[in-house]
Amino acid sequence: MAECDKASHWLAEKSQAQASLRQTDDPLLMAEDIRKRESTVLRFCEPLLSKPPPPPKARPCLSASCVSLYHVLESNTQLLVCQWTQ
């Protein structure tokens, strides 16, 4: 991520310097320079972006009594919320 921060900081500095020039001055920020920075950032980020996400964590299996208790609590909570908002 440091490489991305460096590139972002570099672009902000160059853009600010470019904005301070007159329209008749030679440009400081060239497309070629931006492409070089882009390729550097892509070389750094490509392995991170192509890495598959980790698998989701397995949820613990609930017993039948826990499931029924969950449904009772869920319906009571909905009832309380409904009564509170009315």
PDB file of N, CA and C in Angstrom:
ATOM      1  N   MET A   1       0.820  -1.187   0.000  1.00  0.00           N
ATOM      2  CA  MET A   1       0.000   0.000   0.000  1.00  0.00           C
ATOM      3  C   MET A   1       0.869   1.257   0.000  1.00  0.00           C
ATOM      4  N   ALA A   2       2.085   1.129   0.458  1.00  0.00           N
ATOM      5  CA  ALA A   2       2.978   2.286   0.474  1.00  0.00           C
ATOM      6  C   ALA A   2       3.254   2.773  -0.945  1.00  0.00           C
ATOM      7  N   GLU A   3       3.328   1.838  -1.869  1.00  0.00           N
ATOM      8  CA  GLU A   3       3.576   2.210  -3.268  1.00  0.00           C
ATOM      9  C   GLU A   3       2.408   3.021  -3.827  1.00  0.00           C
ATOM     10  N   CYS A   4       1.203   2.653  -3.468  1.00  0.00           N
ATOM     11  CA  CYS A   4       0.019   3.398  -3.911  1.00  0.00           C
ATOM     12  C   CYS A   4       0.005   4.796  -3.301  1.00  0.00           C
ATOM     13  N   ASP A   5       0.366   4.884  -2.026  1.00  0.00           N
ATOM     14  CA  ASP A   5       0.417   6.192  -1.363  1.00  0.00           C
ATOM     15  C   ASP A   5       1.478   7.087  -1.998  1.00  0.00           C
ATOM     16  N   LYS A   6       2.630   6.503  -2.326  1.00  0.00           N
ATOM     17  CA  LYS A   6       3.695   7.274  -2.978  1.00  0.00           C
ATOM     18  C   LYS A   6       3.219   7.817  -4.324  1.00  0.00           C
ATOM     19  N   ALA A   7       2.561   6.966  -5.108  1.00  0.00           N
ATOM     20  CA  ALA A   7       2.081   7.374  -6.430  1.00  0.00           C
ATOM     21  C   ALA A   7       1.015   8.462  -6.303  1.00  0.00           C
ATOM     22  N   SER A   8       0.144   8.316  -5.335  1.00  0.00           N
ATOM     23  CA  SER A   8      -0.902   9.320  -5.124  1.00  0.00           C
ATOM     24  C   SER A   8      -0.296  10.656  -4.706  1.00  0.00           C
ATOM     25  N   HIS A   9       0.673  10.610  -3.817  1.00  0.00           N
ATOM     26  CA  HIS A   9       1.354  11.828  -3.372  1.00  0.00           C
ATOM     27  C   HIS A   9       2.110  12.472  -4.538  1.00  0.00           C
ATOM     28  N   TRP A  10       2.783  11.665  -5.333  1.00  0.00           N
ATOM     29  CA  TRP A  10       3.515  12.168  -6.495  1.00  0.00           C
ATOM     30  C   TRP A  10       2.574  12.866  -7.464  1.00  0.00           C
ATOM     31  N   LEU A  11       1.432  12.249  -7.749  1.00  0.00           N
ATOM     32  CA  LEU A  11       0.473  12.828  -8.682  1.00  0.00           C
ATOM     33  C   LEU A  11      -0.100  14.141  -8.145  1.00  0.00           C
ATOM     34  N   ALA A  12      -0.373  14.197  -6.852  1.00  0.00           N
ATOM     35  CA  ALA A  12      -0.889  15.436  -6.259  1.00  0.00           C
ATOM     36  C   ALA A  12       0.144  16.559  -6.370  1.00  0.00           C
ATOM     37  N   GLU A  13       1.407  16.235  -6.089  1.00  0.00           N
ATOM     38  CA  GLU A  13       2.475  17.250  -6.195  1.00  0.00           C
ATOM     39  C   GLU A  13       2.614  17.746  -7.633  1.00  0.00           C
ATOM     40  N   LYS A  14       2.655  16.816  -8.584  1.00  0.00           N
ATOM     41  CA  LYS A  14       2.814  17.183  -9.989  1.00  0.00           C
ATOM     42  C   LYS A  14       1.610  17.976 -10.497  1.00  0.00           C
ATOM     43  N   SER A  15       0.432  17.593 -10.084  1.00  0.00           N
ATOM     44  CA  SER A  15      -0.777  18.314 -10.506  1.00  0.00           C
ATOM     45  C   SER A  15      -0.780  19.737  -9.974  1.00  0.00           C
ATOM     46  N   GLN A  16      -0.368  19.882  -8.725  1.00  0.00           N
ATOM     47  CA  GLN A  16      -0.307  21.216  -8.125  1.00  0.00           C
ATOM     48  C   GLN A  16       0.740  22.075  -8.833  1.00  0.00           C
ATOM     49  N   ALA A  17       1.902  21.495  -9.128  1.00  0.00           N
ATOM     50  CA  ALA A  17       2.948  22.231  -9.839  1.00  0.00           C
ATOM     51  C   ALA A  17       2.484  22.590 -11.247  1.00  0.00           C
ATOM     52  N   GLN A  18       1.785  21.671 -11.899  1.00  0.00           N
ATOM     53  CA  GLN A  18       1.268  21.931 -13.242  1.00  0.00           C
ATOM     54  C   GLN A  18       0.231  23.056 -13.223  1.00  0.00           C
ATOM     55  N   ALA A  19      -0.604  23.072 -12.202  1.00  0.00           N
ATOM     56  CA  ALA A  19      -1.648  24.095 -12.101  1.00  0.00           C
ATOM     57  C   ALA A  19      -1.056  25.493 -11.891  1.00  0.00           C
ATOM     58  N   SER A  20       0.128  25.561 -11.311  1.00  0.00           N
ATOM     59  CA  SER A  20       0.733  26.869 -11.050  1.00  0.00           C
ATOM     60  C   SER A  20       1.432  27.453 -12.282  1.00  0.00           C
ATOM     61  N   LEU A  21       1.575  26.676 -13.341  1.00  0.00           N
ATOM     62  CA  LEU A  21       2.227  27.166 -14.561  1.00  0.00           C
ATOM     63  C   LEU A  21       1.260  27.989 -15.408  1.00  0.00           C
ATOM     64  N   ARG A  22       1.835  28.838 -16.227  1.00  0.00           N
ATOM     65  CA  ARG A  22       1.026  29.556 -17.213  1.00  0.00           C
ATOM     66  C   ARG A  22       0.699  28.605 -18.354  1.00  0.00           C
ATOM     67  N   GLN A  23      -0.305  28.937 -19.121  1.00  0.00           N
ATOM     68  CA  GLN A  23      -0.715  28.055 -20.222  1.00  0.00           C
ATOM     69  C   GLN A  23       0.339  27.988 -21.327  1.00  0.00           C
ATOM     70  N   THR A  24       1.197  28.967 -21.410  1.00  0.00           N
ATOM     71  CA  THR A  24       2.224  28.970 -22.455  1.00  0.00           C
ATOM     72  C   THR A  24       3.490  28.236 -22.047  1.00  0.00           C
ATOM     73  N   ASP A  25       3.620  27.854 -20.763  1.00  0.00           N
ATOM     74  CA  ASP A  25       4.803  27.120 -20.282  1.00  0.00           C
ATOM     75  C   ASP A  25       4.743  25.664 -20.735  1.00  0.00           C
ATOM     76  N   ASP A  26       5.916  25.050 -20.802  1.00  0.00           N
ATOM     77  CA  ASP A  26       5.980  23.625 -21.106  1.00  0.00           C
ATOM     78  C   ASP A  26       5.394  22.830 -19.938  1.00  0.00           C
ATOM     79  N   PRO A  27       4.660  21.746 -20.219  1.00  0.00           N
ATOM     80  CA  PRO A  27       4.037  20.977 -19.136  1.00  0.00           C
ATOM     81  C   PRO A  27       5.066  20.234 -18.288  1.00  0.00           C
ATOM     82  N   LEU A  28       4.775  20.138 -17.000  1.00  0.00           N
ATOM     83  CA  LEU A  28       5.614  19.355 -16.086  1.00  0.00           C
ATOM     84  C   LEU A  28       5.129  17.910 -15.998  1.00  0.00           C
ATOM     85  N   LEU A  29       3.851  17.737 -16.117  1.00  0.00           N
ATOM     86  CA  LEU A  29       3.242  16.417 -15.972  1.00  0.00           C
ATOM     87  C   LEU A  29       2.942  15.855 -17.352  1.00  0.00           C
ATOM     88  N   MET A  30       3.669  14.831 -17.718  1.00  0.00           N
ATOM     89  CA  MET A  30       3.518  14.224 -19.038  1.00  0.00           C
ATOM     90  C   MET A  30       2.785  12.885 -18.907  1.00  0.00           C
ATOM     91  N   ALA A  31       2.065  12.524 -19.957  1.00  0.00           N
ATOM     92  CA  ALA A  31       1.334  11.253 -19.966  1.00  0.00           C
ATOM     93  C   ALA A  31       2.294  10.076 -19.810  1.00  0.00           C
ATOM     94  N   GLU A  32       3.470  10.178 -20.375  1.00  0.00           N
ATOM     95  CA  GLU A  32       4.465   9.107 -20.276  1.00  0.00           C
ATOM     96  C   GLU A  32       4.859   8.859 -18.816  1.00  0.00           C
ATOM     97  N   ASP A  33       5.020   9.943 -18.054  1.00  0.00           N
ATOM     98  CA  ASP A  33       5.367   9.802 -16.636  1.00  0.00           C
ATOM     99  C   ASP A  33       4.242   9.123 -15.859  1.00  0.00           C
ATOM    100  N   ILE A  34       3.015   9.482 -16.199  1.00  0.00           N
ATOM    101  CA  ILE A  34       1.867   8.871 -15.527  1.00  0.00           C
ATOM    102  C   ILE A  34       1.801   7.385 -15.858  1.00  0.00           C
ATOM    103  N   ARG A  35       2.048   7.019 -17.104  1.00  0.00           N
ATOM    104  CA  ARG A  35       2.036   5.600 -17.498  1.00  0.00           C
ATOM    105  C   ARG A  35       3.122   4.806 -16.771  1.00  0.00           C
ATOM    106  N   LYS A  36       4.305   5.419 -16.585  1.00  0.00           N
ATOM    107  CA  LYS A  36       5.381   4.733 -15.859  1.00  0.00           C
ATOM    108  C   LYS A  36       4.956   4.462 -14.414  1.00  0.00           C
ATOM    109  N   ARG A  37       4.353   5.475 -13.789  1.00  0.00           N
ATOM    110  CA  ARG A  37       3.881   5.290 -12.406  1.00  0.00           C
ATOM    111  C   ARG A  37       2.788   4.240 -12.347  1.00  0.00           C
ATOM    112  N   GLU A  38       1.919   4.262 -13.333  1.00  0.00           N
ATOM    113  CA  GLU A  38       0.831   3.293 -13.369  1.00  0.00           C
ATOM    114  C   GLU A  38       1.385   1.877 -13.460  1.00  0.00           C
ATOM    115  N   SER A  39       2.369   1.668 -14.324  1.00  0.00           N
ATOM    116  CA  SER A  39       2.928   0.317 -14.461  1.00  0.00           C
ATOM    117  C   SER A  39       3.629  -0.126 -13.182  1.00  0.00           C
ATOM    118  N   THR A  40       4.272   0.799 -12.490  1.00  0.00           N
ATOM    119  CA  THR A  40       4.921   0.465 -11.216  1.00  0.00           C
ATOM    120  C   THR A  40       3.886   0.042 -10.182  1.00  0.00           C
ATOM    121  N   VAL A  41       2.809   0.803 -10.089  1.00  0.00           N
ATOM    122  CA  VAL A  41       1.759   0.475  -9.120  1.00  0.00           C
ATOM    123  C   VAL A  41       1.091  -0.846  -9.485  1.00  0.00           C
ATOM    124  N   LEU A  42       0.835  -1.057 -10.760  1.00  0.00           N
ATOM    125  CA  LEU A  42       0.204  -2.316 -11.179  1.00  0.00           C
ATOM    126  C   LEU A  42       1.093  -3.521 -10.902  1.00  0.00           C
ATOM    127  N   ARG A  43       2.406  -3.384 -11.114  1.00  0.00           N
ATOM    128  CA  ARG A  43       3.324  -4.495 -10.800  1.00  0.00           C
ATOM    129  C   ARG A  43       3.263  -4.837  -9.321  1.00  0.00           C
ATOM    130  N   PHE A  44       3.113  -3.816  -8.504  1.00  0.00           N
ATOM    131  CA  PHE A  44       3.056  -4.039  -7.061  1.00  0.00           C
ATOM    132  C   PHE A  44       1.698  -4.613  -6.642  1.00  0.00           C
ATOM    133  N   CYS A  45       0.618  -4.102  -7.226  1.00  0.00           N
ATOM    134  CA  CYS A  45      -0.732  -4.471  -6.787  1.00  0.00           C
ATOM    135  C   CYS A  45      -1.281  -5.728  -7.447  1.00  0.00           C
ATOM    136  N   GLU A  46      -0.790  -6.068  -8.611  1.00  0.00           N
ATOM    137  CA  GLU A  46      -1.338  -7.210  -9.356  1.00  0.00           C
ATOM    138  C   GLU A  46      -1.362  -8.503  -8.542  1.00  0.00           C
ATOM    139  N   PRO A  47      -0.292  -8.859  -7.843  1.00  0.00           N
ATOM    140  CA  PRO A  47      -0.365 -10.099  -7.043  1.00  0.00           C
ATOM    141  C   PRO A  47      -1.419 -10.014  -5.940  1.00  0.00           C
ATOM    142  N   LEU A  48      -1.607  -8.845  -5.370  1.00  0.00           N
ATOM    143  CA  LEU A  48      -2.616  -8.697  -4.320  1.00  0.00           C
ATOM    144  C   LEU A  48      -4.025  -8.795  -4.889  1.00  0.00           C
ATOM    145  N   LEU A  49      -4.238  -8.200  -6.056  1.00  0.00           N
ATOM    146  CA  LEU A  49      -5.565  -8.201  -6.652  1.00  0.00           C
ATOM    147  C   LEU A  49      -5.954  -9.551  -7.225  1.00  0.00           C
ATOM    148  N   SER A  50      -4.980 -10.347  -7.639  1.00  0.00           N
ATOM    149  CA  SER A  50      -5.293 -11.643  -8.228  1.00  0.00           C
ATOM    150  C   SER A  50      -5.379 -12.760  -7.180  1.00  0.00           C
ATOM    151  N   LYS A  51      -5.046 -12.453  -5.951  1.00  0.00           N
ATOM    152  CA  LYS A  51      -5.110 -13.444  -4.875  1.00  0.00           C
ATOM    153  C   LYS A  51      -6.580 -13.697  -4.525  1.00  0.00           C
ATOM    154  N   PRO A  52      -7.011 -14.953  -4.461  1.00  0.00           N
ATOM    155  CA  PRO A  52      -8.416 -15.225  -4.135  1.00  0.00           C
ATOM    156  C   PRO A  52      -8.724 -14.850  -2.690  1.00  0.00           C
ATOM    157  N   PRO A  53      -9.950 -14.432  -2.426  1.00  0.00           N
ATOM    158  CA  PRO A  53     -10.307 -14.079  -1.047  1.00  0.00           C
ATOM    159  C   PRO A  53     -10.322 -15.320  -0.164  1.00  0.00           C
ATOM    160  N   PRO A  54     -10.137 -15.151   1.126  1.00  0.00           N
ATOM    161  CA  PRO A  54     -10.164 -16.317   2.016  1.00  0.00           C
ATOM    162  C   PRO A  54     -11.580 -16.886   2.088  1.00  0.00           C
ATOM    163  N   PRO A  55     -11.697 -18.174   2.332  1.00  0.00           N
ATOM    164  CA  PRO A  55     -13.030 -18.767   2.435  1.00  0.00           C
ATOM    165  C   PRO A  55     -13.741 -18.238   3.683  1.00  0.00           C
ATOM    166  N   PRO A  56     -15.061 -18.168   3.640  1.00  0.00           N
ATOM    167  CA  PRO A  56     -15.787 -17.686   4.820  1.00  0.00           C
ATOM    168  C   PRO A  56     -15.620 -18.655   5.984  1.00  0.00           C
ATOM    169  N   LYS A  57     -15.650 -18.106   7.169  1.00  0.00           N
ATOM    170  CA  LYS A  57     -15.523 -18.945   8.364  1.00  0.00           C
ATOM    171  C   LYS A  57     -16.786 -19.780   8.540  1.00  0.00           C
ATOM    172  N   ALA A  58     -16.612 -21.008   8.976  1.00  0.00           N
ATOM    173  CA  ALA A  58     -17.747 -21.899   9.188  1.00  0.00           C
ATOM    174  C   ALA A  58     -18.519 -21.450  10.418  1.00  0.00           C
ATOM    175  N   ARG A  59     -19.826 -21.426  10.284  1.00  0.00           N
ATOM    176  CA  ARG A  59     -20.669 -21.063  11.417  1.00  0.00           C
ATOM    177  C   ARG A  59     -20.882 -22.292  12.286  1.00  0.00           C
ATOM    178  N   PRO A  60     -20.921 -22.110  13.590  1.00  0.00           N
ATOM    179  CA  PRO A  60     -21.145 -23.271  14.456  1.00  0.00           C
ATOM    180  C   PRO A  60     -22.556 -23.822  14.247  1.00  0.00           C
ATOM    181  N   CYS A  61     -22.658 -25.117  14.333  1.00  0.00           N
ATOM    182  CA  CYS A  61     -23.947 -25.778  14.155  1.00  0.00           C
ATOM    183  C   CYS A  61     -24.775 -25.589  15.424  1.00  0.00           C
ATOM    184  N   LEU A  62     -26.004 -25.166  15.261  1.00  0.00           N
ATOM    185  CA  LEU A  62     -26.877 -24.941  16.418  1.00  0.00           C
ATOM    186  C   LEU A  62     -27.779 -26.155  16.629  1.00  0.00           C
ATOM    187  N   SER A  63     -28.002 -26.479  17.885  1.00  0.00           N
ATOM    188  CA  SER A  63     -28.919 -27.578  18.187  1.00  0.00           C
ATOM    189  C   SER A  63     -30.353 -27.098  17.953  1.00  0.00           C
ATOM    190  N   ALA A  64     -31.287 -28.042  17.931  1.00  0.00           N
ATOM    191  CA  ALA A  64     -32.698 -27.709  17.676  1.00  0.00           C
ATOM    192  C   ALA A  64     -33.236 -26.781  18.755  1.00  0.00           C
ATOM    193  N   SER A  65     -32.821 -26.983  19.997  1.00  0.00           N
ATOM    194  CA  SER A  65     -33.325 -26.125  21.078  1.00  0.00           C
ATOM    195  C   SER A  65     -32.782 -24.709  20.934  1.00  0.00           C
ATOM    196  N   CYS A  66     -31.538 -24.578  20.500  1.00  0.00           N
ATOM    197  CA  CYS A  66     -30.969 -23.247  20.292  1.00  0.00           C
ATOM    198  C   CYS A  66     -31.675 -22.539  19.143  1.00  0.00           C
ATOM    199  N   VAL A  67     -31.991 -23.269  18.097  1.00  0.00           N
ATOM    200  CA  VAL A  67     -32.671 -22.671  16.950  1.00  0.00           C
ATOM    201  C   VAL A  67     -34.055 -22.198  17.349  1.00  0.00           C
ATOM    202  N   SER A  68     -34.796 -23.016  18.088  1.00  0.00           N
ATOM    203  CA  SER A  68     -36.142 -22.604  18.502  1.00  0.00           C
ATOM    204  C   SER A  68     -36.063 -21.419  19.454  1.00  0.00           C
ATOM    205  N   LEU A  69     -35.101 -21.388  20.357  1.00  0.00           N
ATOM    206  CA  LEU A  69     -34.917 -20.254  21.257  1.00  0.00           C
ATOM    207  C   LEU A  69     -34.584 -18.996  20.462  1.00  0.00           C
ATOM    208  N   TYR A  70     -33.760 -19.144  19.441  1.00  0.00           N
ATOM    209  CA  TYR A  70     -33.420 -18.009  18.586  1.00  0.00           C
ATOM    210  C   TYR A  70     -34.675 -17.438  17.927  1.00  0.00           C
ATOM    211  N   HIS A  71     -35.544 -18.316  17.403  1.00  0.00           N
ATOM    212  CA  HIS A  71     -36.767 -17.855  16.743  1.00  0.00           C
ATOM    213  C   HIS A  71     -37.700 -17.164  17.732  1.00  0.00           C
ATOM    214  N   VAL A  72     -37.788 -17.676  18.948  1.00  0.00           N
ATOM    215  CA  VAL A  72     -38.624 -17.042  19.972  1.00  0.00           C
ATOM    216  C   VAL A  72     -38.078 -15.659  20.291  1.00  0.00           C
ATOM    217  N   LEU A  73     -36.776 -15.567  20.503  1.00  0.00           N
ATOM    218  CA  LEU A  73     -36.169 -14.268  20.806  1.00  0.00           C
ATOM    219  C   LEU A  73     -36.332 -13.305  19.643  1.00  0.00           C
ATOM    220  N   GLU A  74     -36.172 -13.808  18.425  1.00  0.00           N
ATOM    221  CA  GLU A  74     -36.297 -12.964  17.249  1.00  0.00           C
ATOM    222  C   GLU A  74     -37.728 -12.433  17.120  1.00  0.00           C
ATOM    223  N   SER A  75     -38.724 -13.276  17.325  1.00  0.00           N
ATOM    224  CA  SER A  75     -40.114 -12.822  17.195  1.00  0.00           C
ATOM    225  C   SER A  75     -40.472 -11.857  18.322  1.00  0.00           C
ATOM    226  N   ASN A  76     -39.984 -12.105  19.547  1.00  0.00           N
ATOM    227  CA  ASN A  76     -40.253 -11.179  20.654  1.00  0.00           C
ATOM    228  C   ASN A  76     -39.585  -9.837  20.405  1.00  0.00           C
ATOM    229  N   THR A  77     -38.396  -9.854  19.865  1.00  0.00           N
ATOM    230  CA  THR A  77     -37.688  -8.607  19.565  1.00  0.00           C
ATOM    231  C   THR A  77     -38.467  -7.826  18.519  1.00  0.00           C
ATOM    232  N   GLN A  78     -38.949  -8.512  17.504  1.00  0.00           N
ATOM    233  CA  GLN A  78     -39.729  -7.836  16.473  1.00  0.00           C
ATOM    234  C   GLN A  78     -41.005  -7.268  17.063  1.00  0.00           C
ATOM    235  N   LEU A  79     -41.631  -8.013  17.968  1.00  0.00           N
ATOM    236  CA  LEU A  79     -42.849  -7.545  18.619  1.00  0.00           C
ATOM    237  C   LEU A  79     -42.541  -6.300  19.448  1.00  0.00           C
ATOM    238  N   LEU A  80     -41.465  -6.330  20.210  1.00  0.00           N
ATOM    239  CA  LEU A  80     -41.097  -5.176  21.040  1.00  0.00           C
ATOM    240  C   LEU A  80     -40.783  -3.961  20.175  1.00  0.00           C
ATOM    241  N   VAL A  81     -40.072  -4.173  19.096  1.00  0.00           N
ATOM    242  CA  VAL A  81     -39.730  -3.065  18.197  1.00  0.00           C
ATOM    243  C   VAL A  81     -41.004  -2.499  17.594  1.00  0.00           C
ATOM    244  N   CYS A  82     -41.931  -3.373  17.207  1.00  0.00           N
ATOM    245  CA  CYS A  82     -43.179  -2.929  16.615  1.00  0.00           C
ATOM    246  C   CYS A  82     -43.990  -2.131  17.639  1.00  0.00           C
ATOM    247  N   GLN A  83     -44.072  -2.600  18.887  1.00  0.00           N
ATOM    248  CA  GLN A  83     -44.801  -1.888  19.921  1.00  0.00           C
ATOM    249  C   GLN A  83     -44.143  -0.563  20.261  1.00  0.00           C
ATOM    250  N   TRP A  84     -42.825  -0.526  20.261  1.00  0.00           N
ATOM    251  CA  TRP A  84     -42.086   0.689  20.618  1.00  0.00           C
ATOM    252  C   TRP A  84     -42.266   1.769  19.558  1.00  0.00           C
ATOM    253  N   THR A  85     -42.338   1.389  18.296  1.00  0.00           N
ATOM    254  CA  THR A  85     -42.437   2.382  17.227  1.00  0.00           C
ATOM    255  C   THR A  85     -43.860   2.875  17.031  1.00  0.00           C
ATOM    256  N   GLN A  86     -44.844   2.165  17.552  1.00  0.00           N
ATOM    257  CA  GLN A  86     -46.235   2.603  17.341  1.00  0.00           C
ATOM    258  C   GLN A  86     -46.687   3.586  18.354  1.00  0.00           C
TER     259      GLN A  86
END
